[in-house]
C-alpha atoms as a PDB file:
ATOM      1  CA  MET A   1     161.089  49.599 142.384  1.00  0.00           C
ATOM      2  CA  LYS A   2     161.636  46.231 140.409  1.00  0.00           C
ATOM      3  CA  CYS A   3     161.368  44.503 142.999  1.00  0.00           C
ATOM      4  CA  GLU A   4     158.872  45.746 144.686  1.00  0.00           C
ATOM      5  CA  LYS A   5     156.559  45.480 141.653  1.00  0.00           C
ATOM      6  CA  THR A   6     157.974  42.095 141.377  1.00  0.00           C
ATOM      7  CA  LEU A   7     156.682  41.173 144.944  1.00  0.00           C
ATOM      8  CA  ALA A   8     153.529  42.735 144.633  1.00  0.00           C
ATOM      9  CA  LEU A   9     152.742  40.478 141.835  1.00  0.00           C
ATOM     10  CA  LEU A  10     153.790  37.097 143.756  1.00  0.00           C
ATOM     11  CA  ALA A  11     152.086  38.650 146.565  1.00  0.00           C
ATOM     12  CA  ARG A  12     148.935  38.663 144.486  1.00  0.00           C
ATOM     13  CA  GLU A  13     149.467  35.231 142.857  1.00  0.00           C
ATOM     14  CA  ALA A  14     149.934  33.974 146.264  1.00  0.00           C
ATOM     15  CA  ALA A  15     147.086  35.434 147.708  1.00  0.00           C
ATOM     16  CA  ALA A  16     145.076  33.716 144.754  1.00  0.00           C
ATOM     17  CA  CYS A  17     146.649  29.979 145.443  1.00  0.00           C
ATOM     18  CA  THR A  18     144.512  27.278 145.206  1.00  0.00           C
ATOM     19  CA  LEU A  19     147.037  24.526 145.595  1.00  0.00           C
ATOM     20  CA  CYS A  20     145.615  22.529 148.115  1.00  0.00           C
ATOM     21  CA  ALA A  21     141.935  23.507 147.944  1.00  0.00           C
ATOM     22  CA  ASP A  22     140.666  20.087 148.027  1.00  0.00           C
ATOM     23  CA  THR A  23     142.527  19.130 151.433  1.00  0.00           C
ATOM     24  CA  LEU A  24     141.910  22.453 153.263  1.00  0.00           C
ATOM     25  CA  PRO A  25     138.759  21.964 155.951  1.00  0.00           C
ATOM     26  CA  LEU A  26     137.752  26.042 155.427  1.00  0.00           C
ATOM     27  CA  GLY A  27     138.987  26.449 151.785  1.00  0.00           C
ATOM     28  CA  PRO A  28     141.607  28.588 150.854  1.00  0.00           C
ATOM     29  CA  ARG A  29     142.398  31.578 152.363  1.00  0.00           C
ATOM     30  CA  PRO A  30     146.153  32.498 152.360  1.00  0.00           C
ATOM     31  CA  VAL A  31     147.285  34.829 155.119  1.00  0.00           C
ATOM     32  CA  PHE A  32     150.673  36.581 155.157  1.00  0.00           C
ATOM     33  CA  GLN A  33     152.396  40.067 155.174  1.00  0.00           C
ATOM     34  CA  VAL A  34     155.290  41.312 152.852  1.00  0.00           C
ATOM     35  CA  HIS A  35     157.201  44.295 151.687  1.00  0.00           C
ATOM     36  CA  ASP A  36     160.372  44.916 149.683  1.00  0.00           C
ATOM     37  CA  ARG A  37     161.860  47.261 152.411  1.00  0.00           C
ATOM     38  CA  ALA A  38     160.877  45.089 155.478  1.00  0.00           C
ATOM     39  CA  LYS A  39     163.526  44.477 157.975  1.00  0.00           C
ATOM     40  CA  ILE A  40     162.221  41.644 160.161  1.00  0.00           C
ATOM     41  CA  LEU A  41     160.755  38.550 158.782  1.00  0.00           C
ATOM     42  CA  ILE A  42     158.129  36.282 161.328  1.00  0.00           C
ATOM     43  CA  ALA A  43     158.959  32.722 160.229  1.00  0.00           C
ATOM     44  CA  ALA A  44     155.760  31.380 161.379  1.00  0.00           C
ATOM     45  CA  GLN A  45     153.806  28.035 161.136  1.00  0.00           C
ATOM     46  CA  ALA A  46     150.065  28.433 159.982  1.00  0.00           C
ATOM     47  CA  PRO A  47     147.274  30.599 160.193  1.00  0.00           C
ATOM     48  CA  GLY A  48     144.718  29.170 163.185  1.00  0.00           C
ATOM     49  CA  THR A  49     141.067  29.454 162.837  1.00  0.00           C
ATOM     50  CA  LYS A  50     141.067  32.989 164.231  1.00  0.00           C
ATOM     51  CA  VAL A  51     143.563  34.409 161.994  1.00  0.00           C
ATOM     52  CA  HIS A  52     141.611  32.687 159.026  1.00  0.00           C
ATOM     53  CA  ALA A  53     138.661  34.688 159.987  1.00  0.00           C
ATOM     54  CA  SER A  54     140.290  37.746 160.219  1.00  0.00           C
ATOM     55  CA  GLY A  55     142.763  37.498 157.292  1.00  0.00           C
ATOM     56  CA  ARG A  56     145.278  39.399 159.191  1.00  0.00           C
ATOM     57  CA  PRO A  57     148.316  37.192 160.603  1.00  0.00           C
ATOM     58  CA  PHE A  58     148.596  36.815 164.416  1.00  0.00           C
ATOM     59  CA  THR A  59     144.938  38.382 165.263  1.00  0.00           C
ATOM     60  CA  ASP A  60     144.968  35.708 168.175  1.00  0.00           C
ATOM     61  CA  PRO A  61     146.669  35.377 171.434  1.00  0.00           C
ATOM     62  CA  SER A  62     149.438  33.996 169.788  1.00  0.00           C
ATOM     63  CA  GLY A  63     150.231  37.287 168.612  1.00  0.00           C
ATOM     64  CA  ASP A  64     149.347  39.193 171.700  1.00  0.00           C
ATOM     65  CA  ARG A  65     152.387  36.996 173.344  1.00  0.00           C
ATOM     66  CA  LEU A  66     154.794  37.582 170.266  1.00  0.00           C
ATOM     67  CA  ARG A  67     154.116  41.463 170.074  1.00  0.00           C
ATOM     68  CA  GLN A  68     155.412  41.350 174.214  1.00  0.00           C
ATOM     69  CA  TRP A  69     158.152  38.772 173.441  1.00  0.00           C
ATOM     70  CA  MET A  70     158.996  41.586 170.356  1.00  0.00           C
ATOM     71  CA  GLY A  71     158.427  44.695 172.731  1.00  0.00           C
ATOM     72  CA  ILE A  72     156.479  46.058 170.074  1.00  0.00           C
ATOM     73  CA  ASP A  73     152.617  47.638 169.929  1.00  0.00           C
ATOM     74  CA  SER A  74     150.323  46.113 167.381  1.00  0.00           C
ATOM     75  CA  GLU A  75     150.909  49.308 164.754  1.00  0.00           C
ATOM     76  CA  THR A  76     154.322  48.380 164.587  1.00  0.00           C
ATOM     77  CA  PHE A  77     153.846  44.742 164.265  1.00  0.00           C
ATOM     78  CA  TYR A  78     151.388  45.216 161.228  1.00  0.00           C
ATOM     79  CA  ASP A  79     153.559  47.886 159.348  1.00  0.00           C
ATOM     80  CA  ARG A  80     154.185  46.205 156.322  1.00  0.00           C
ATOM     81  CA  GLN A  81     157.292  47.986 155.744  1.00  0.00           C
ATOM     82  CA  ARG A  82     158.919  47.130 158.966  1.00  0.00           C
ATOM     83  CA  ILE A  83     157.825  43.260 159.270  1.00  0.00           C
ATOM     84  CA  ALA A  84     157.328  40.551 156.876  1.00  0.00           C
ATOM     85  CA  ILE A  85     155.253  37.857 158.566  1.00  0.00           C
ATOM     86  CA  LEU A  86     155.608  34.542 155.827  1.00  0.00           C
ATOM     87  CA  PRO A  87     153.783  31.134 157.481  1.00  0.00           C
ATOM     88  CA  MET A  88     155.404  27.836 156.389  1.00  0.00           C
ATOM     89  CA  GLY A  89     151.541  27.252 155.203  1.00  0.00           C
ATOM     90  CA  PHE A  90     149.530  30.268 154.305  1.00  0.00           C
ATOM     91  CA  CYS A  91     146.105  28.719 154.845  1.00  0.00           C
ATOM     92  CA  TYR A  92     144.499  27.142 158.109  1.00  0.00           C
ATOM     93  CA  PRO A  93     145.689  23.425 157.725  1.00  0.00           C
ATOM     94  CA  GLY A  94     142.702  21.663 159.952  1.00  0.00           C
ATOM     95  CA  ARG A  95     142.404  20.002 162.966  1.00  0.00           C
ATOM     96  CA  GLY A  96     144.228  17.027 164.811  1.00  0.00           C
ATOM     97  CA  LYS A  97     143.864  15.206 167.610  1.00  0.00           C
ATOM     98  CA  SER A  98     146.170  17.278 169.755  1.00  0.00           C
ATOM     99  CA  GLY A  99     146.088  20.621 168.287  1.00  0.00           C
ATOM    100  CA  ASP A 100     146.052  22.205 164.548  1.00  0.00           C
ATOM    101  CA  LEU A 101     147.583  20.300 161.811  1.00  0.00           C
ATOM    102  CA  PRO A 102     151.295  20.633 160.378  1.00  0.00           C
ATOM    103  CA  PRO A 103     151.351  23.545 157.993  1.00  0.00           C
ATOM    104  CA  ARG A 104     150.559  21.805 154.533  1.00  0.00           C
ATOM    105  CA  ALA A 105     153.919  20.305 152.938  1.00  0.00           C
ATOM    106  CA  GLU A 106     153.318  21.626 149.468  1.00  0.00           C
ATOM    107  CA  CYS A 107     153.127  25.492 150.324  1.00  0.00           C
ATOM    108  CA  ALA A 108     156.890  26.204 151.383  1.00  0.00           C
ATOM    109  CA  PRO A 109     158.168  24.657 147.964  1.00  0.00           C
ATOM    110  CA  ALA A 110     155.906  26.648 145.985  1.00  0.00           C
ATOM    111  CA  TRP A 111     156.090  30.205 147.531  1.00  0.00           C
ATOM    112  CA  ARG A 112     158.711  30.188 150.409  1.00  0.00           C
ATOM    113  CA  GLN A 113     162.104  31.055 148.528  1.00  0.00           C
ATOM    114  CA  ARG A 114     160.431  32.905 145.940  1.00  0.00           C
ATOM    115  CA  PHE A 115     159.243  35.570 148.537  1.00  0.00           C
ATOM    116  CA  LEU A 116     162.589  35.753 150.673  1.00  0.00           C
ATOM    117  CA  ASP A 117     164.552  36.361 147.384  1.00  0.00           C
ATOM    118  CA  LEU A 118     162.334  39.631 146.681  1.00  0.00           C
ATOM    119  CA  MET A 119     163.050  40.755 150.214  1.00  0.00           C
ATOM    120  CA  PRO A 120     166.547  42.103 150.037  1.00  0.00           C
ATOM    121  CA  HIS A 121     166.773  44.097 153.392  1.00  0.00           C
ATOM    122  CA  LEU A 122     165.782  41.751 156.142  1.00  0.00           C
ATOM    123  CA  GLU A 123     168.080  41.684 158.909  1.00  0.00           C
ATOM    124  CA  LEU A 124     166.734  39.905 161.716  1.00  0.00           C
ATOM    125  CA  THR A 125     164.477  36.843 161.309  1.00  0.00           C
ATOM    126  CA  LEU A 126     162.328  35.076 164.403  1.00  0.00           C
ATOM    127  CA  VAL A 127     161.865  31.203 163.389  1.00  0.00           C
ATOM    128  CA  ILE A 128     158.995  30.225 165.298  1.00  0.00           C
ATOM    129  CA  GLY A 129     158.392  26.357 165.935  1.00  0.00           C
ATOM    130  CA  GLN A 130     159.400  23.056 164.924  1.00  0.00           C
ATOM    131  CA  TYR A 131     158.319  23.410 161.050  1.00  0.00           C
ATOM    132  CA  ALA A 132     159.968  26.674 160.691  1.00  0.00           C
ATOM    133  CA  HIS A 133     162.823  25.432 162.326  1.00  0.00           C
ATOM    134  CA  ASP A 134     162.915  22.201 160.191  1.00  0.00           C
ATOM    135  CA  TRP A 135     163.244  24.501 156.783  1.00  0.00           C
ATOM    136  CA  HIS A 136     165.494  27.874 158.263  1.00  0.00           C
ATOM    137  CA  PHE A 137     167.827  25.460 160.260  1.00  0.00           C
ATOM    138  CA  ARG A 138     168.483  22.603 157.388  1.00  0.00           C
ATOM    139  CA  GLY A 139     172.026  21.155 158.500  1.00  0.00           C
ATOM    140  CA  SER A 140     172.220  23.788 161.777  1.00  0.00           C
ATOM    141  CA  LYS A 141     169.145  22.630 164.191  1.00  0.00           C
ATOM    142  CA  ARG A 142     169.262  20.635 167.429  1.00  0.00           C
ATOM    143  CA  THR A 143     168.134  17.327 168.072  1.00  0.00           C
ATOM    144  CA  THR A 144     164.742  18.967 169.808  1.00  0.00           C
ATOM    145  CA  LEU A 145     163.136  22.571 169.809  1.00  0.00           C
ATOM    146  CA  THR A 146     164.207  23.431 173.211  1.00  0.00           C
ATOM    147  CA  GLU A 147     167.807  22.221 172.375  1.00  0.00           C
ATOM    148  CA  THR A 148     168.005  24.878 169.321  1.00  0.00           C
ATOM    149  CA  VAL A 149     165.939  27.787 171.041  1.00  0.00           C
ATOM    150  CA  ARG A 150     168.734  26.714 174.355  1.00  0.00           C
ATOM    151  CA  ASN A 151     171.644  27.624 171.344  1.00  0.00           C
ATOM    152  CA  TRP A 152     170.411  31.105 170.173  1.00  0.00           C
ATOM    153  CA  ARG A 153     173.338  32.255 170.720  1.00  0.00           C
ATOM    154  CA  ALA A 154     174.912  30.409 167.668  1.00  0.00           C
ATOM    155  CA  TYR A 155     172.400  31.598 165.263  1.00  0.00           C
ATOM    156  CA  ARG A 156     172.689  35.295 166.286  1.00  0.00           C
ATOM    157  CA  PRO A 157     172.687  38.333 165.171  1.00  0.00           C
ATOM    158  CA  THR A 158     170.309  37.607 162.158  1.00  0.00           C
ATOM    159  CA  ILE A 159     168.328  34.316 163.093  1.00  0.00           C
ATOM    160  CA  ILE A 160     166.693  34.272 166.344  1.00  0.00           C
ATOM    161  CA  PRO A 161     164.861  30.413 166.892  1.00  0.00           C
ATOM    162  CA  LEU A 162     161.747  30.725 169.093  1.00  0.00           C
ATOM    163  CA  PRO A 163     158.965  28.391 170.453  1.00  0.00           C
ATOM    164  CA  HIS A 164     155.681  28.956 169.034  1.00  0.00           C
ATOM    165  CA  PRO A 165     153.847  31.496 171.320  1.00  0.00           C
ATOM    166  CA  SER A 166     150.580  29.638 171.732  1.00  0.00           C
ATOM    167  CA  PRO A 167     149.369  29.596 175.127  1.00  0.00           C
ATOM    168  CA  ARG A 168     149.704  25.641 174.458  1.00  0.00           C
ATOM    169  CA  ASN A 169     153.458  26.204 174.843  1.00  0.00           C
ATOM    170  CA  ASN A 170     152.415  27.604 179.005  1.00  0.00           C
ATOM    171  CA  LEU A 171     154.275  24.260 180.100  1.00  0.00           C
ATOM    172  CA  TRP A 172     157.277  24.988 178.146  1.00  0.00           C
ATOM    173  CA  LEU A 173     157.916  28.498 179.202  1.00  0.00           C
ATOM    174  CA  LYS A 174     157.384  27.275 182.587  1.00  0.00           C
ATOM    175  CA  LYS A 175     159.785  24.371 182.262  1.00  0.00           C
ATOM    176  CA  ASN A 176     162.564  26.748 180.769  1.00  0.00           C
ATOM    177  CA  PRO A 177     162.635  30.037 182.536  1.00  0.00           C
ATOM    178  CA  TRP A 178     165.645  30.936 181.293  1.00  0.00           C
ATOM    179  CA  PHE A 179     163.293  32.037 177.778  1.00  0.00           C
ATOM    180  CA  ALA A 180     162.068  34.526 180.387  1.00  0.00           C
ATOM    181  CA  THR A 181     165.296  35.862 181.441  1.00  0.00           C
ATOM    182  CA  GLU A 182     167.878  35.708 179.091  1.00  0.00           C
ATOM    183  CA  LEU A 183     166.324  35.350 175.444  1.00  0.00           C
ATOM    184  CA  GLN A 184     163.530  37.315 175.506  1.00  0.00           C
ATOM    185  CA  PRO A 185     165.179  40.613 176.805  1.00  0.00           C
ATOM    186  CA  MET A 186     167.688  40.123 173.983  1.00  0.00           C
ATOM    187  CA  LEU A 187     165.006  39.444 171.701  1.00  0.00           C
ATOM    188  CA  ALA A 188     163.245  42.652 172.395  1.00  0.00           C
ATOM    189  CA  GLU A 189     166.013  44.739 172.482  1.00  0.00           C
ATOM    190  CA  ARG A 190     167.276  43.411 168.983  1.00  0.00           C
ATOM    191  CA  VAL A 191     163.998  44.009 167.786  1.00  0.00           C
ATOM    192  CA  GLN A 192     163.916  47.424 168.776  1.00  0.00           C
ATOM    193  CA  ARG A 193     167.256  48.195 167.317  1.00  0.00           C
ATOM    194  CA  VAL A 194     166.589  46.865 163.929  1.00  0.00           C
ATOM    195  CA  LEU A 195     163.572  49.002 163.890  1.00  0.00           C
ATOM    196  CA  ALA A 196     165.259  52.022 165.144  1.00  0.00           C
ATOM    197  CA  LEU A 197     162.985  52.365 167.809  1.00  0.00           C
ATOM    198  CA  ALA A 198     165.745  52.400 170.401  1.00  0.00           C
ATOM    199  CA  PRO A 199     169.251  54.081 170.239  1.00  0.00           C
END
């Protein structure tokens, strides 16, 4: 109960964060999903414009693909008591030349470990994209994202490295067919076992 109350307080504090207000093109709107009973953590990157508008994580084509990879529906995905979603940056960072800018560097040091310390029941972490890899695989990640994901067996059963599910990565998925034939089926099975959706 104490952990639940403390996490709720932290979530309210983070939801009101204005740490990067002066640099965010659409202003601060922290987007995340947490619960002290969550079993799976999705360690994401940062919200895009659609997520900023909705105020709900992964309400975009990336979310559709991620749910497909995980083998779950939206109802399960947005069940806070099962799945926590904690981006490296809570707010939309703005647009760069080749896509969205990286997550704001101020966000993770201010919030990330504090949240993780209050979610003691996590059994599986899905680490999505380069910036999440950099934080979660400090000292153990490979030279490139592709090599980190290709070596997913070295991190299981509690961590699974993933590329970003954005449509921008369609070419990456085409060049790396092993992802669909080897990693994706394992990911869906592991998710469903952790969530007790499969025997």
